[in-house]
Amino acid sequence: MPSRLAGKSLRELDIRARYHLSVIAIRTREEISVNPSPDQIIKENDVLLMIGENACLKQFADGKEPAKV
């Protein structure tokens, strides 16, 4: 997980509204959390499993801010 996301909750990151992506699970070193709480804090080694359009996934992965509409 990029350090820009670590230490923030899903609610703070607002990935759904900003990138039009849905986080459906988070894999940590210990477990896989399906349908994570918006208050779950992301850690540096977590892996987010997301669904959405490829262009949106690429934009998120590249660390680019979404275009303002």
PDB file of N, CA and C in Angstrom:
ATOM      1  N   MET A   1       0.846  -1.171   0.000  1.00  0.00           N
ATOM      2  CA  MET A   1       0.000   0.000   0.000  1.00  0.00           C
ATOM      3  C   MET A   1       0.889   1.231   0.000  1.00  0.00           C
ATOM      4  N   PRO A   2       0.611   2.160  -0.897  1.00  0.00           N
ATOM      5  CA  PRO A   2       1.412   3.389  -0.909  1.00  0.00           C
ATOM      6  C   PRO A   2       1.324   4.126   0.425  1.00  0.00           C
ATOM      7  N   SER A   3       2.424   4.719   0.828  1.00  0.00           N
ATOM      8  CA  SER A   3       2.457   5.410   2.117  1.00  0.00           C
ATOM      9  C   SER A   3       1.473   6.572   2.167  1.00  0.00           C
ATOM     10  N   ARG A   4       1.053   7.094   1.019  1.00  0.00           N
ATOM     11  CA  ARG A   4       0.085   8.207   1.002  1.00  0.00           C
ATOM     12  C   ARG A   4      -1.274   7.779   1.568  1.00  0.00           C
ATOM     13  N   LEU A   5      -1.539   6.468   1.606  1.00  0.00           N
ATOM     14  CA  LEU A   5      -2.817   5.959   2.094  1.00  0.00           C
ATOM     15  C   LEU A   5      -2.733   5.422   3.517  1.00  0.00           C
ATOM     16  N   ALA A   6      -1.544   5.028   3.934  1.00  0.00           N
ATOM     17  CA  ALA A   6      -1.372   4.399   5.245  1.00  0.00           C
ATOM     18  C   ALA A   6      -1.763   5.357   6.368  1.00  0.00           C
ATOM     19  N   GLY A   7      -2.441   4.787   7.365  1.00  0.00           N
ATOM     20  CA  GLY A   7      -2.848   5.564   8.527  1.00  0.00           C
ATOM     21  C   GLY A   7      -4.172   6.284   8.363  1.00  0.00           C
ATOM     22  N   LYS A   8      -4.809   6.112   7.215  1.00  0.00           N
ATOM     23  CA  LYS A   8      -6.102   6.760   6.962  1.00  0.00           C
ATOM     24  C   LYS A   8      -7.199   5.706   6.886  1.00  0.00           C
ATOM     25  N   SER A   9      -8.411   6.111   7.207  1.00  0.00           N
ATOM     26  CA  SER A   9      -9.543   5.186   7.111  1.00  0.00           C
ATOM     27  C   SER A   9     -10.108   5.219   5.686  1.00  0.00           C
ATOM     28  N   LEU A  10     -10.881   4.193   5.355  1.00  0.00           N
ATOM     29  CA  LEU A  10     -11.556   4.196   4.055  1.00  0.00           C
ATOM     30  C   LEU A  10     -12.465   5.407   3.932  1.00  0.00           C
ATOM     31  N   ARG A  11     -13.073   5.795   5.036  1.00  0.00           N
ATOM     32  CA  ARG A  11     -13.946   6.975   5.030  1.00  0.00           C
ATOM     33  C   ARG A  11     -13.148   8.231   4.653  1.00  0.00           C
ATOM     34  N   GLU A  12     -11.980   8.390   5.248  1.00  0.00           N
ATOM     35  CA  GLU A  12     -11.132   9.550   4.944  1.00  0.00           C
ATOM     36  C   GLU A  12     -10.674   9.548   3.490  1.00  0.00           C
ATOM     37  N   LEU A  13     -10.323   8.380   3.003  1.00  0.00           N
ATOM     38  CA  LEU A  13      -9.831   8.282   1.626  1.00  0.00           C
ATOM     39  C   LEU A  13     -10.933   8.546   0.603  1.00  0.00           C
ATOM     40  N   ASP A  14     -12.166   8.212   0.948  1.00  0.00           N
ATOM     41  CA  ASP A  14     -13.335   8.488   0.104  1.00  0.00           C
ATOM     42  C   ASP A  14     -13.134   7.987  -1.333  1.00  0.00           C
ATOM     43  N   ILE A  15     -12.621   6.761  -1.430  1.00  0.00           N
ATOM     44  CA  ILE A  15     -12.262   6.180  -2.723  1.00  0.00           C
ATOM     45  C   ILE A  15     -13.465   6.049  -3.652  1.00  0.00           C
ATOM     46  N   ARG A  16     -14.601   5.673  -3.109  1.00  0.00           N
ATOM     47  CA  ARG A  16     -15.795   5.493  -3.957  1.00  0.00           C
ATOM     48  C   ARG A  16     -16.208   6.805  -4.612  1.00  0.00           C
ATOM     49  N   ALA A  17     -16.288   7.857  -3.854  1.00  0.00           N
ATOM     50  CA  ALA A  17     -16.727   9.145  -4.404  1.00  0.00           C
ATOM     51  C   ALA A  17     -15.648   9.787  -5.290  1.00  0.00           C
ATOM     52  N   ARG A  18     -14.400   9.663  -4.883  1.00  0.00           N
ATOM     53  CA  ARG A  18     -13.320  10.337  -5.618  1.00  0.00           C
ATOM     54  C   ARG A  18     -12.890   9.592  -6.879  1.00  0.00           C
ATOM     55  N   TYR A  19     -12.839   8.265  -6.806  1.00  0.00           N
ATOM     56  CA  TYR A  19     -12.304   7.475  -7.917  1.00  0.00           C
ATOM     57  C   TYR A  19     -13.345   6.577  -8.580  1.00  0.00           C
ATOM     58  N   HIS A  20     -14.547   6.522  -8.036  1.00  0.00           N
ATOM     59  CA  HIS A  20     -15.604   5.649  -8.560  1.00  0.00           C
ATOM     60  C   HIS A  20     -15.193   4.174  -8.484  1.00  0.00           C
ATOM     61  N   LEU A  21     -14.546   3.822  -7.370  1.00  0.00           N
ATOM     62  CA  LEU A  21     -14.121   2.449  -7.108  1.00  0.00           C
ATOM     63  C   LEU A  21     -14.721   1.986  -5.791  1.00  0.00           C
ATOM     64  N   SER A  22     -14.976   0.695  -5.697  1.00  0.00           N
ATOM     65  CA  SER A  22     -15.488   0.115  -4.454  1.00  0.00           C
ATOM     66  C   SER A  22     -14.449  -0.832  -3.877  1.00  0.00           C
ATOM     67  N   VAL A  23     -14.117  -0.632  -2.601  1.00  0.00           N
ATOM     68  CA  VAL A  23     -13.210  -1.534  -1.895  1.00  0.00           C
ATOM     69  C   VAL A  23     -14.065  -2.677  -1.357  1.00  0.00           C
ATOM     70  N   ILE A  24     -13.837  -3.882  -1.878  1.00  0.00           N
ATOM     71  CA  ILE A  24     -14.658  -5.015  -1.472  1.00  0.00           C
ATOM     72  C   ILE A  24     -13.971  -5.902  -0.438  1.00  0.00           C
ATOM     73  N   ALA A  25     -12.652  -5.727  -0.287  1.00  0.00           N
ATOM     74  CA  ALA A  25     -11.918  -6.497   0.724  1.00  0.00           C
ATOM     75  C   ALA A  25     -10.566  -5.845   0.966  1.00  0.00           C
ATOM     76  N   ILE A  26     -10.019  -6.131   2.140  1.00  0.00           N
ATOM     77  CA  ILE A  26      -8.664  -5.692   2.480  1.00  0.00           C
ATOM     78  C   ILE A  26      -7.919  -6.905   3.000  1.00  0.00           C
ATOM     79  N   ARG A  27      -6.760  -7.158   2.384  1.00  0.00           N
ATOM     80  CA  ARG A  27      -5.914  -8.263   2.844  1.00  0.00           C
ATOM     81  C   ARG A  27      -4.786  -7.678   3.683  1.00  0.00           C
ATOM     82  N   THR A  28      -4.720  -8.108   4.933  1.00  0.00           N
ATOM     83  CA  THR A  28      -3.625  -7.720   5.814  1.00  0.00           C
ATOM     84  C   THR A  28      -2.685  -8.910   5.936  1.00  0.00           C
ATOM     85  N   ARG A  29      -1.661  -8.764   6.719  1.00  0.00           N
ATOM     86  CA  ARG A  29      -0.745  -9.902   6.930  1.00  0.00           C
ATOM     87  C   ARG A  29      -1.442 -11.042   7.656  1.00  0.00           C
ATOM     88  N   GLU A  30      -2.475 -10.711   8.449  1.00  0.00           N
ATOM     89  CA  GLU A  30      -3.142 -11.718   9.275  1.00  0.00           C
ATOM     90  C   GLU A  30      -4.411 -12.302   8.667  1.00  0.00           C
ATOM     91  N   GLU A  31      -5.155 -11.500   7.882  1.00  0.00           N
ATOM     92  CA  GLU A  31      -6.479 -11.953   7.442  1.00  0.00           C
ATOM     93  C   GLU A  31      -6.955 -11.192   6.210  1.00  0.00           C
ATOM     94  N   ILE A  32      -8.089 -11.651   5.714  1.00  0.00           N
ATOM     95  CA  ILE A  32      -8.786 -10.941   4.645  1.00  0.00           C
ATOM     96  C   ILE A  32     -10.105 -10.453   5.218  1.00  0.00           C
ATOM     97  N   SER A  33     -10.321  -9.165   5.137  1.00  0.00           N
ATOM     98  CA  SER A  33     -11.544  -8.550   5.651  1.00  0.00           C
ATOM     99  C   SER A  33     -12.453  -8.228   4.463  1.00  0.00           C
ATOM    100  N   VAL A  34     -13.538  -8.999   4.320  1.00  0.00           N
ATOM    101  CA  VAL A  34     -14.488  -8.789   3.233  1.00  0.00           C
ATOM    102  C   VAL A  34     -15.506  -7.744   3.677  1.00  0.00           C
ATOM    103  N   ASN A  35     -15.879  -6.862   2.763  1.00  0.00           N
ATOM    104  CA  ASN A  35     -16.820  -5.782   3.057  1.00  0.00           C
ATOM    105  C   ASN A  35     -16.334  -4.969   4.269  1.00  0.00           C
ATOM    106  N   PRO A  36     -15.147  -4.354   4.143  1.00  0.00           N
ATOM    107  CA  PRO A  36     -14.562  -3.659   5.288  1.00  0.00           C
ATOM    108  C   PRO A  36     -15.376  -2.442   5.726  1.00  0.00           C
ATOM    109  N   SER A  37     -15.270  -2.149   6.999  1.00  0.00           N
ATOM    110  CA  SER A  37     -15.934  -0.978   7.574  1.00  0.00           C
ATOM    111  C   SER A  37     -15.298   0.296   7.016  1.00  0.00           C
ATOM    112  N   PRO A  38     -16.084   1.343   6.829  1.00  0.00           N
ATOM    113  CA  PRO A  38     -15.508   2.613   6.370  1.00  0.00           C
ATOM    114  C   PRO A  38     -14.510   3.188   7.376  1.00  0.00           C
ATOM    115  N   ASP A  39     -14.572   2.730   8.615  1.00  0.00           N
ATOM    116  CA  ASP A  39     -13.670   3.227   9.650  1.00  0.00           C
ATOM    117  C   ASP A  39     -12.387   2.413   9.768  1.00  0.00           C
ATOM    118  N   GLN A  40     -12.247   1.376   8.926  1.00  0.00           N
ATOM    119  CA  GLN A  40     -11.031   0.558   8.976  1.00  0.00           C
ATOM    120  C   GLN A  40      -9.840   1.390   8.521  1.00  0.00           C
ATOM    121  N   ILE A  41      -8.785   1.353   9.317  1.00  0.00           N
ATOM    122  CA  ILE A  41      -7.560   2.088   9.024  1.00  0.00           C
ATOM    123  C   ILE A  41      -6.670   1.239   8.114  1.00  0.00           C
ATOM    124  N   ILE A  42      -6.168   1.865   7.072  1.00  0.00           N
ATOM    125  CA  ILE A  42      -5.289   1.191   6.118  1.00  0.00           C
ATOM    126  C   ILE A  42      -3.860   1.232   6.651  1.00  0.00           C
ATOM    127  N   LYS A  43      -3.206   0.086   6.594  1.00  0.00           N
ATOM    128  CA  LYS A  43      -1.800  -0.001   7.008  1.00  0.00           C
ATOM    129  C   LYS A  43      -0.920  -0.137   5.771  1.00  0.00           C
ATOM    130  N   GLU A  44       0.345   0.158   5.920  1.00  0.00           N
ATOM    131  CA  GLU A  44       1.255   0.222   4.782  1.00  0.00           C
ATOM    132  C   GLU A  44       1.324  -1.071   3.973  1.00  0.00           C
ATOM    133  N   ASN A  45       1.229  -2.222   4.605  1.00  0.00           N
ATOM    134  CA  ASN A  45       1.343  -3.491   3.872  1.00  0.00           C
ATOM    135  C   ASN A  45       0.006  -4.096   3.474  1.00  0.00           C
ATOM    136  N   ASP A  46      -1.089  -3.392   3.697  1.00  0.00           N
ATOM    137  CA  ASP A  46      -2.409  -3.888   3.307  1.00  0.00           C
ATOM    138  C   ASP A  46      -2.562  -3.880   1.789  1.00  0.00           C
ATOM    139  N   VAL A  47      -3.398  -4.789   1.310  1.00  0.00           N
ATOM    140  CA  VAL A  47      -3.735  -4.852  -0.113  1.00  0.00           C
ATOM    141  C   VAL A  47      -5.235  -4.622  -0.229  1.00  0.00           C
ATOM    142  N   LEU A  48      -5.625  -3.636  -1.037  1.00  0.00           N
ATOM    143  CA  LEU A  48      -7.040  -3.346  -1.255  1.00  0.00           C
ATOM    144  C   LEU A  48      -7.518  -4.106  -2.482  1.00  0.00           C
ATOM    145  N   LEU A  49      -8.622  -4.811  -2.348  1.00  0.00           N
ATOM    146  CA  LEU A  49      -9.263  -5.469  -3.479  1.00  0.00           C
ATOM    147  C   LEU A  49     -10.428  -4.565  -3.877  1.00  0.00           C
ATOM    148  N   MET A  50     -10.362  -4.028  -5.083  1.00  0.00           N
ATOM    149  CA  MET A  50     -11.353  -3.045  -5.527  1.00  0.00           C
ATOM    150  C   MET A  50     -11.966  -3.461  -6.854  1.00  0.00           C
ATOM    151  N   ILE A  51     -13.175  -2.965  -7.092  1.00  0.00           N
ATOM    152  CA  ILE A  51     -13.822  -3.145  -8.389  1.00  0.00           C
ATOM    153  C   ILE A  51     -14.165  -1.766  -8.933  1.00  0.00           C
ATOM    154  N   GLY A  52     -14.130  -1.687 -10.250  1.00  0.00           N
ATOM    155  CA  GLY A  52     -14.444  -0.439 -10.931  1.00  0.00           C
ATOM    156  C   GLY A  52     -13.898  -0.489 -12.346  1.00  0.00           C
ATOM    157  N   GLU A  53     -14.041   0.589 -13.055  1.00  0.00           N
ATOM    158  CA  GLU A  53     -13.544   0.643 -14.431  1.00  0.00           C
ATOM    159  C   GLU A  53     -12.024   0.654 -14.449  1.00  0.00           C
ATOM    160  N   ASN A  54     -11.453   0.033 -15.472  1.00  0.00           N
ATOM    161  CA  ASN A  54     -10.001  -0.062 -15.580  1.00  0.00           C
ATOM    162  C   ASN A  54      -9.319   1.296 -15.524  1.00  0.00           C
ATOM    163  N   ALA A  55      -9.877   2.285 -16.178  1.00  0.00           N
ATOM    164  CA  ALA A  55      -9.276   3.619 -16.193  1.00  0.00           C
ATOM    165  C   ALA A  55      -9.222   4.203 -14.782  1.00  0.00           C
ATOM    166  N   CYS A  56     -10.261   3.974 -14.005  1.00  0.00           N
ATOM    167  CA  CYS A  56     -10.307   4.469 -12.624  1.00  0.00           C
ATOM    168  C   CYS A  56      -9.302   3.731 -11.751  1.00  0.00           C
ATOM    169  N   LEU A  57      -9.193   2.415 -11.950  1.00  0.00           N
ATOM    170  CA  LEU A  57      -8.217   1.625 -11.195  1.00  0.00           C
ATOM    171  C   LEU A  57      -6.795   2.080 -11.508  1.00  0.00           C
ATOM    172  N   LYS A  58      -6.518   2.347 -12.767  1.00  0.00           N
ATOM    173  CA  LYS A  58      -5.185   2.807 -13.168  1.00  0.00           C
ATOM    174  C   LYS A  58      -4.883   4.169 -12.563  1.00  0.00           C
ATOM    175  N   GLN A  59      -5.844   5.058 -12.610  1.00  0.00           N
ATOM    176  CA  GLN A  59      -5.666   6.394 -12.051  1.00  0.00           C
ATOM    177  C   GLN A  59      -5.345   6.309 -10.556  1.00  0.00           C
ATOM    178  N   PHE A  60      -6.071   5.465  -9.837  1.00  0.00           N
ATOM    179  CA  PHE A  60      -5.826   5.271  -8.412  1.00  0.00           C
ATOM    180  C   PHE A  60      -4.441   4.670  -8.184  1.00  0.00           C
ATOM    181  N   ALA A  61      -4.112   3.614  -8.938  1.00  0.00           N
ATOM    182  CA  ALA A  61      -2.831   2.927  -8.772  1.00  0.00           C
ATOM    183  C   ALA A  61      -1.649   3.843  -9.087  1.00  0.00           C
ATOM    184  N   ASP A  62      -1.838   4.737 -10.038  1.00  0.00           N
ATOM    185  CA  ASP A  62      -0.765   5.669 -10.421  1.00  0.00           C
ATOM    186  C   ASP A  62      -0.635   6.831  -9.446  1.00  0.00           C
ATOM    187  N   GLY A  63      -1.575   6.919  -8.491  1.00  0.00           N
ATOM    188  CA  GLY A  63      -1.513   7.988  -7.499  1.00  0.00           C
ATOM    189  C   GLY A  63      -1.974   9.328  -8.024  1.00  0.00           C
ATOM    190  N   LYS A  64      -2.697   9.317  -9.135  1.00  0.00           N
ATOM    191  CA  LYS A  64      -3.184  10.562  -9.721  1.00  0.00           C
ATOM    192  C   LYS A  64      -4.493  10.965  -9.067  1.00  0.00           C
ATOM    193  N   GLU A  65      -4.628  12.243  -8.838  1.00  0.00           N
ATOM    194  CA  GLU A  65      -5.902  12.756  -8.323  1.00  0.00           C
ATOM    195  C   GLU A  65      -6.947  12.643  -9.414  1.00  0.00           C
ATOM    196  N   PRO A  66      -8.164  12.291  -9.056  1.00  0.00           N
ATOM    197  CA  PRO A  66      -9.227  12.190 -10.061  1.00  0.00           C
ATOM    198  C   PRO A  66      -9.542  13.554 -10.650  1.00  0.00           C
ATOM    199  N   ALA A  67      -9.983  13.547 -11.895  1.00  0.00           N
ATOM    200  CA  ALA A  67     -10.358  14.800 -12.564  1.00  0.00           C
ATOM    201  C   ALA A  67     -11.586  15.396 -11.889  1.00  0.00           C
ATOM    202  N   LYS A  68     -11.594  16.689 -11.756  1.00  0.00           N
ATOM    203  CA  LYS A  68     -12.758  17.387 -11.176  1.00  0.00           C
ATOM    204  C   LYS A  68     -13.835  17.488 -12.242  1.00  0.00           C
ATOM    205  N   VAL A  69     -15.061  17.178 -11.819  1.00  0.00           N
ATOM    206  CA  VAL A  69     -16.186  17.228 -12.768  1.00  0.00           C
ATOM    207  C   VAL A  69     -17.050  18.424 -12.444  1.00  0.00           C
TER     208      VAL A  69
END
